[in-house]
Amino acid sequence: MKIVTPTGDNIFYVIPRTFVQSTVDIIITNETTNTQVSSSIDTTISGNYITFRLTNIGIRVPENNYGTIELRYNSETIYKDKFFVTSQSIDQTNNEYFNGNLNQYTTENSYDNDYIII
């Protein structure tokens, strides 16, 4: 699974079933609404990967949602994977993980654990 940002460029490095350096069809599916968007993109070979660039993926799949990406060349699926769209900074080497409740709750610094619930 890939983590992508909703805006800006997302550069993908993938290992496909067949290496092609040309224009391929891409199908992006929003898993929440089960809608698909297809277009054509150019790929390049970089070492043991093919690379391609997607811009503003948040238009197709909103933030905090899952999607699938599929590359097809001559009607043959050469790559398929899931992705998650978020604008949060995620870097596991720095212990930065996705937080589904970010900026939704405030903490109470009471000294005796007394809360008043209305």
N, C-alpha and C. Protein backbone atom coordinates (compact mmCIF):
# COMPACT_ATOMS: atom_id res chain seq x y z
N MET A 1 0.84 -1.17 0.00
CA MET A 1 0.00 0.00 0.00
C MET A 1 0.89 1.23 0.00
N LYS A 2 0.46 2.24 -0.72
CA LYS A 2 1.17 3.50 -0.84
C LYS A 2 0.43 4.57 -0.06
N ILE A 3 1.20 5.52 0.49
CA ILE A 3 0.64 6.69 1.14
C ILE A 3 0.88 7.87 0.20
N VAL A 4 -0.19 8.59 -0.18
CA VAL A 4 -0.07 9.70 -1.11
C VAL A 4 -0.68 10.96 -0.51
N THR A 5 -0.25 12.11 -1.04
CA THR A 5 -0.80 13.40 -0.61
C THR A 5 -1.92 13.80 -1.55
N PRO A 6 -2.92 14.53 -1.04
CA PRO A 6 -4.05 14.87 -1.90
C PRO A 6 -3.72 15.91 -2.97
N THR A 7 -2.74 16.78 -2.72
CA THR A 7 -2.38 17.80 -3.69
C THR A 7 -0.91 17.67 -4.06
N GLY A 8 -0.55 18.28 -5.14
CA GLY A 8 0.85 18.24 -5.57
C GLY A 8 1.17 16.97 -6.33
N ASP A 9 2.46 16.79 -6.58
CA ASP A 9 2.92 15.63 -7.34
C ASP A 9 3.17 14.44 -6.43
N ASN A 10 2.75 13.29 -6.87
CA ASN A 10 3.06 12.02 -6.24
C ASN A 10 3.80 11.19 -7.27
N ILE A 11 5.04 10.85 -6.96
CA ILE A 11 5.84 10.05 -7.88
C ILE A 11 5.84 8.62 -7.37
N PHE A 12 5.43 7.71 -8.22
CA PHE A 12 5.33 6.30 -7.87
C PHE A 12 6.51 5.54 -8.47
N TYR A 13 7.12 4.69 -7.67
CA TYR A 13 8.13 3.73 -8.10
C TYR A 13 7.54 2.35 -7.86
N VAL A 14 7.29 1.60 -8.93
CA VAL A 14 6.61 0.32 -8.79
C VAL A 14 7.35 -0.76 -9.57
N ILE A 15 7.15 -1.98 -9.14
CA ILE A 15 7.68 -3.14 -9.85
C ILE A 15 6.50 -3.81 -10.57
N PRO A 16 6.42 -3.66 -11.88
CA PRO A 16 5.28 -4.21 -12.62
C PRO A 16 5.51 -5.65 -13.05
N ARG A 17 4.48 -6.24 -13.58
CA ARG A 17 4.60 -7.59 -14.16
C ARG A 17 5.40 -7.54 -15.46
N THR A 18 5.22 -6.47 -16.22
CA THR A 18 5.92 -6.27 -17.48
C THR A 18 6.49 -4.86 -17.50
N PHE A 19 7.75 -4.72 -17.82
CA PHE A 19 8.38 -3.40 -17.87
C PHE A 19 8.09 -2.75 -19.22
N VAL A 20 7.44 -1.59 -19.18
CA VAL A 20 7.16 -0.84 -20.40
C VAL A 20 7.53 0.61 -20.16
N GLN A 21 8.12 1.21 -21.17
CA GLN A 21 8.43 2.63 -21.11
C GLN A 21 7.66 3.31 -22.23
N SER A 22 6.41 3.58 -21.95
CA SER A 22 5.54 4.19 -22.94
C SER A 22 4.31 4.73 -22.23
N THR A 23 3.30 5.03 -23.00
CA THR A 23 2.03 5.49 -22.44
C THR A 23 1.19 4.28 -22.04
N VAL A 24 0.71 4.28 -20.80
CA VAL A 24 -0.14 3.20 -20.30
C VAL A 24 -1.45 3.80 -19.80
N ASP A 25 -2.45 2.96 -19.71
CA ASP A 25 -3.74 3.38 -19.15
C ASP A 25 -3.70 3.21 -17.65
N ILE A 26 -4.23 4.21 -16.93
CA ILE A 26 -4.29 4.14 -15.48
C ILE A 26 -5.75 4.24 -15.06
N ILE A 27 -6.14 3.40 -14.13
CA ILE A 27 -7.50 3.40 -13.61
C ILE A 27 -7.40 3.60 -12.10
N ILE A 28 -8.00 4.69 -11.62
CA ILE A 28 -8.01 5.00 -10.19
C ILE A 28 -9.43 4.79 -9.69
N THR A 29 -9.57 3.98 -8.65
CA THR A 29 -10.88 3.66 -8.08
C THR A 29 -10.97 4.20 -6.67
N ASN A 30 -12.00 4.97 -6.38
CA ASN A 30 -12.29 5.42 -5.03
C ASN A 30 -13.04 4.28 -4.34
N GLU A 31 -12.45 3.71 -3.30
CA GLU A 31 -13.06 2.54 -2.65
C GLU A 31 -14.29 2.90 -1.81
N THR A 32 -14.44 4.16 -1.44
CA THR A 32 -15.61 4.57 -0.66
C THR A 32 -16.85 4.64 -1.54
N THR A 33 -16.71 5.26 -2.70
CA THR A 33 -17.86 5.43 -3.59
C THR A 33 -17.88 4.43 -4.74
N ASN A 34 -16.80 3.66 -4.89
CA ASN A 34 -16.65 2.67 -5.95
C ASN A 34 -16.78 3.30 -7.34
N THR A 35 -16.22 4.51 -7.49
CA THR A 35 -16.21 5.18 -8.78
C THR A 35 -14.80 5.10 -9.37
N GLN A 36 -14.74 5.05 -10.68
CA GLN A 36 -13.46 4.92 -11.36
C GLN A 36 -13.21 6.12 -12.27
N VAL A 37 -11.93 6.47 -12.37
CA VAL A 37 -11.48 7.50 -13.29
C VAL A 37 -10.31 6.90 -14.05
N SER A 38 -10.33 7.01 -15.37
CA SER A 38 -9.24 6.45 -16.16
C SER A 38 -8.64 7.53 -17.05
N SER A 39 -7.36 7.38 -17.32
CA SER A 39 -6.64 8.29 -18.21
C SER A 39 -5.38 7.58 -18.68
N SER A 40 -4.57 8.30 -19.43
CA SER A 40 -3.30 7.76 -19.91
C SER A 40 -2.15 8.55 -19.31
N ILE A 41 -1.08 7.83 -18.94
CA ILE A 41 0.10 8.49 -18.38
C ILE A 41 1.34 7.89 -19.04
N ASP A 42 2.44 8.62 -18.93
CA ASP A 42 3.72 8.14 -19.45
C ASP A 42 4.52 7.54 -18.32
N THR A 43 5.17 6.42 -18.59
CA THR A 43 6.03 5.77 -17.61
C THR A 43 7.47 5.78 -18.12
N THR A 44 8.40 5.72 -17.17
CA THR A 44 9.81 5.59 -17.51
C THR A 44 10.40 4.47 -16.68
N ILE A 45 11.45 3.86 -17.19
CA ILE A 45 12.14 2.80 -16.45
C ILE A 45 13.29 3.43 -15.70
N SER A 46 13.34 3.15 -14.39
CA SER A 46 14.39 3.68 -13.52
C SER A 46 14.95 2.52 -12.70
N GLY A 47 16.04 1.92 -13.17
CA GLY A 47 16.61 0.77 -12.47
C GLY A 47 15.68 -0.42 -12.56
N ASN A 48 15.28 -0.95 -11.40
CA ASN A 48 14.37 -2.09 -11.35
C ASN A 48 12.91 -1.68 -11.19
N TYR A 49 12.60 -0.43 -11.45
CA TYR A 49 11.25 0.11 -11.27
C TYR A 49 10.78 0.80 -12.54
N ILE A 50 9.47 0.96 -12.65
CA ILE A 50 8.95 1.95 -13.59
C ILE A 50 8.39 3.07 -12.73
N THR A 51 8.49 4.28 -13.22
CA THR A 51 8.03 5.44 -12.47
C THR A 51 6.97 6.18 -13.27
N PHE A 52 6.06 6.79 -12.55
CA PHE A 52 5.07 7.66 -13.16
C PHE A 52 4.65 8.69 -12.12
N ARG A 53 4.06 9.76 -12.59
CA ARG A 53 3.70 10.90 -11.73
C ARG A 53 2.20 11.13 -11.81
N LEU A 54 1.59 11.30 -10.62
CA LEU A 54 0.18 11.68 -10.54
C LEU A 54 0.09 13.01 -9.80
N THR A 55 -0.73 13.91 -10.31
CA THR A 55 -0.89 15.23 -9.72
C THR A 55 -2.32 15.38 -9.20
N ASN A 56 -2.44 15.96 -8.01
CA ASN A 56 -3.75 16.26 -7.40
C ASN A 56 -4.67 15.05 -7.36
N ILE A 57 -4.20 14.00 -6.72
CA ILE A 57 -4.99 12.77 -6.62
C ILE A 57 -6.22 12.97 -5.72
N GLY A 58 -6.20 14.02 -4.87
CA GLY A 58 -7.33 14.32 -3.98
C GLY A 58 -8.60 14.68 -4.73
N ILE A 59 -8.47 15.06 -5.99
CA ILE A 59 -9.67 15.33 -6.80
C ILE A 59 -10.41 14.03 -7.08
N ARG A 60 -9.67 12.95 -7.26
CA ARG A 60 -10.26 11.66 -7.59
C ARG A 60 -10.64 10.86 -6.34
N VAL A 61 -9.79 10.93 -5.30
CA VAL A 61 -10.05 10.23 -4.05
C VAL A 61 -9.83 11.24 -2.93
N PRO A 62 -10.86 11.58 -2.15
CA PRO A 62 -10.72 12.60 -1.11
C PRO A 62 -9.75 12.17 0.00
N GLU A 63 -9.33 13.15 0.77
CA GLU A 63 -8.40 12.90 1.87
C GLU A 63 -9.00 11.93 2.89
N ASN A 64 -8.14 11.13 3.51
CA ASN A 64 -8.49 10.11 4.50
C ASN A 64 -9.38 9.01 3.92
N ASN A 65 -9.17 8.68 2.65
CA ASN A 65 -9.89 7.61 2.00
C ASN A 65 -8.91 6.69 1.28
N TYR A 66 -9.37 5.49 1.00
CA TYR A 66 -8.57 4.50 0.29
C TYR A 66 -8.96 4.47 -1.19
N GLY A 67 -8.01 4.04 -1.99
CA GLY A 67 -8.27 3.86 -3.40
C GLY A 67 -7.39 2.76 -3.95
N THR A 68 -7.67 2.36 -5.19
CA THR A 68 -6.80 1.41 -5.87
C THR A 68 -6.30 2.06 -7.15
N ILE A 69 -5.12 1.64 -7.54
CA ILE A 69 -4.51 2.13 -8.76
C ILE A 69 -4.16 0.93 -9.61
N GLU A 70 -4.48 1.02 -10.88
CA GLU A 70 -4.22 -0.09 -11.79
C GLU A 70 -3.61 0.45 -13.07
N LEU A 71 -2.51 -0.15 -13.51
CA LEU A 71 -1.87 0.21 -14.77
C LEU A 71 -2.15 -0.90 -15.77
N ARG A 72 -2.55 -0.50 -16.99
CA ARG A 72 -2.82 -1.47 -18.05
C ARG A 72 -2.04 -1.08 -19.30
N TYR A 73 -1.47 -2.09 -19.92
CA TYR A 73 -0.76 -1.89 -21.18
C TYR A 73 -1.29 -2.93 -22.17
N ASN A 74 -1.87 -2.46 -23.27
CA ASN A 74 -2.51 -3.34 -24.26
C ASN A 74 -3.55 -4.24 -23.61
N SER A 75 -4.40 -3.68 -22.78
CA SER A 75 -5.49 -4.36 -22.08
C SER A 75 -5.02 -5.41 -21.08
N GLU A 76 -3.73 -5.43 -20.75
CA GLU A 76 -3.19 -6.37 -19.76
C GLU A 76 -2.81 -5.58 -18.51
N THR A 77 -3.25 -6.05 -17.35
CA THR A 77 -2.91 -5.40 -16.09
C THR A 77 -1.45 -5.70 -15.76
N ILE A 78 -0.65 -4.63 -15.67
CA ILE A 78 0.77 -4.83 -15.36
C ILE A 78 1.10 -4.42 -13.92
N TYR A 79 0.18 -3.73 -13.25
CA TYR A 79 0.42 -3.34 -11.85
C TYR A 79 -0.92 -2.98 -11.22
N LYS A 80 -1.08 -3.37 -9.94
CA LYS A 80 -2.28 -3.01 -9.18
C LYS A 80 -1.90 -2.91 -7.72
N ASP A 81 -2.38 -1.86 -7.04
CA ASP A 81 -2.04 -1.64 -5.63
C ASP A 81 -3.08 -0.74 -5.00
N LYS A 82 -3.09 -0.73 -3.67
CA LYS A 82 -3.96 0.15 -2.89
C LYS A 82 -3.16 1.37 -2.47
N PHE A 83 -3.86 2.47 -2.20
CA PHE A 83 -3.22 3.67 -1.65
C PHE A 83 -4.15 4.34 -0.66
N PHE A 84 -3.57 5.18 0.19
CA PHE A 84 -4.32 5.94 1.19
C PHE A 84 -3.94 7.40 1.02
N VAL A 85 -4.93 8.28 0.99
CA VAL A 85 -4.71 9.70 0.78
C VAL A 85 -4.74 10.44 2.11
N THR A 86 -3.65 11.14 2.44
CA THR A 86 -3.59 11.93 3.66
C THR A 86 -2.61 13.08 3.48
N SER A 87 -2.87 14.18 4.18
CA SER A 87 -1.94 15.31 4.15
C SER A 87 -1.07 15.33 5.41
N GLN A 88 -1.26 14.36 6.30
CA GLN A 88 -0.43 14.29 7.50
C GLN A 88 0.98 13.83 7.14
N SER A 89 1.94 14.31 7.92
CA SER A 89 3.32 13.88 7.73
C SER A 89 3.49 12.50 8.35
N ILE A 90 3.88 11.52 7.54
CA ILE A 90 4.06 10.16 8.01
C ILE A 90 5.49 9.73 7.72
N ASP A 91 6.23 9.47 8.79
CA ASP A 91 7.61 9.01 8.66
C ASP A 91 7.89 8.10 9.84
N GLN A 92 7.88 6.80 9.60
CA GLN A 92 8.01 5.85 10.69
C GLN A 92 9.39 5.88 11.33
N THR A 93 10.42 6.32 10.61
CA THR A 93 11.75 6.41 11.22
C THR A 93 11.79 7.49 12.29
N ASN A 94 10.90 8.50 12.19
CA ASN A 94 10.81 9.55 13.20
C ASN A 94 9.61 9.37 14.11
N ASN A 95 9.02 8.19 14.12
CA ASN A 95 7.83 7.87 14.92
C ASN A 95 6.65 8.79 14.61
N GLU A 96 6.48 9.15 13.35
CA GLU A 96 5.33 9.93 12.91
C GLU A 96 4.37 8.99 12.20
N TYR A 97 3.22 8.74 12.81
CA TYR A 97 2.24 7.81 12.27
C TYR A 97 0.94 8.54 11.98
N PHE A 98 0.06 7.92 11.22
CA PHE A 98 -1.23 8.52 10.92
C PHE A 98 -2.08 8.57 12.18
N ASN A 99 -2.73 9.70 12.42
CA ASN A 99 -3.60 9.89 13.57
C ASN A 99 -4.99 10.26 13.04
N GLY A 100 -5.94 9.36 13.13
CA GLY A 100 -7.29 9.61 12.66
C GLY A 100 -8.05 10.65 13.45
N ASN A 101 -7.58 10.96 14.66
CA ASN A 101 -8.25 11.93 15.51
C ASN A 101 -7.45 13.23 15.65
N LEU A 102 -6.57 13.51 14.72
CA LEU A 102 -5.74 14.70 14.80
C LEU A 102 -6.59 15.97 14.82
N ASN A 103 -6.35 16.83 15.81
CA ASN A 103 -7.04 18.12 15.99
C ASN A 103 -8.54 17.98 16.23
N GLN A 104 -8.99 16.84 16.74
CA GLN A 104 -10.41 16.65 17.01
C GLN A 104 -10.75 16.73 18.49
N TYR A 105 -9.76 16.50 19.34
CA TYR A 105 -10.00 16.48 20.77
C TYR A 105 -9.03 17.42 21.47
N THR A 106 -9.48 17.97 22.59
CA THR A 106 -8.60 18.79 23.41
C THR A 106 -8.33 18.03 24.71
N THR A 107 -7.17 18.23 25.25
CA THR A 107 -6.82 17.54 26.50
C THR A 107 -7.13 18.43 27.68
N GLU A 108 -7.42 17.81 28.80
CA GLU A 108 -7.71 18.51 30.05
C GLU A 108 -6.57 18.24 31.01
N ASN A 109 -6.00 19.29 31.52
CA ASN A 109 -4.88 19.16 32.45
C ASN A 109 -5.35 19.38 33.89
N SER A 110 -6.31 18.59 34.33
CA SER A 110 -6.78 18.72 35.71
C SER A 110 -5.86 17.93 36.63
N TYR A 111 -5.77 18.35 37.85
CA TYR A 111 -4.85 17.72 38.79
C TYR A 111 -5.47 16.53 39.51
N ASP A 112 -6.79 16.40 39.52
CA ASP A 112 -7.42 15.34 40.30
C ASP A 112 -8.36 14.44 39.48
N ASN A 113 -8.27 14.51 38.18
CA ASN A 113 -9.08 13.69 37.27
C ASN A 113 -10.58 13.94 37.41
N ASP A 114 -10.98 15.12 37.87
CA ASP A 114 -12.40 15.48 37.94
C ASP A 114 -12.80 16.18 36.66
N TYR A 115 -13.87 15.68 36.05
CA TYR A 115 -14.42 16.28 34.84
C TYR A 115 -15.88 16.59 35.08
N ILE A 116 -16.33 17.67 34.51
CA ILE A 116 -17.75 18.00 34.55
C ILE A 116 -18.31 17.76 33.16
N ILE A 117 -19.28 16.87 33.08
CA ILE A 117 -19.90 16.54 31.80
C ILE A 117 -21.28 17.13 31.79
N ILE A 118 -21.55 17.92 30.78
CA ILE A 118 -22.85 18.58 30.68
C ILE A 118 -23.65 17.95 29.58
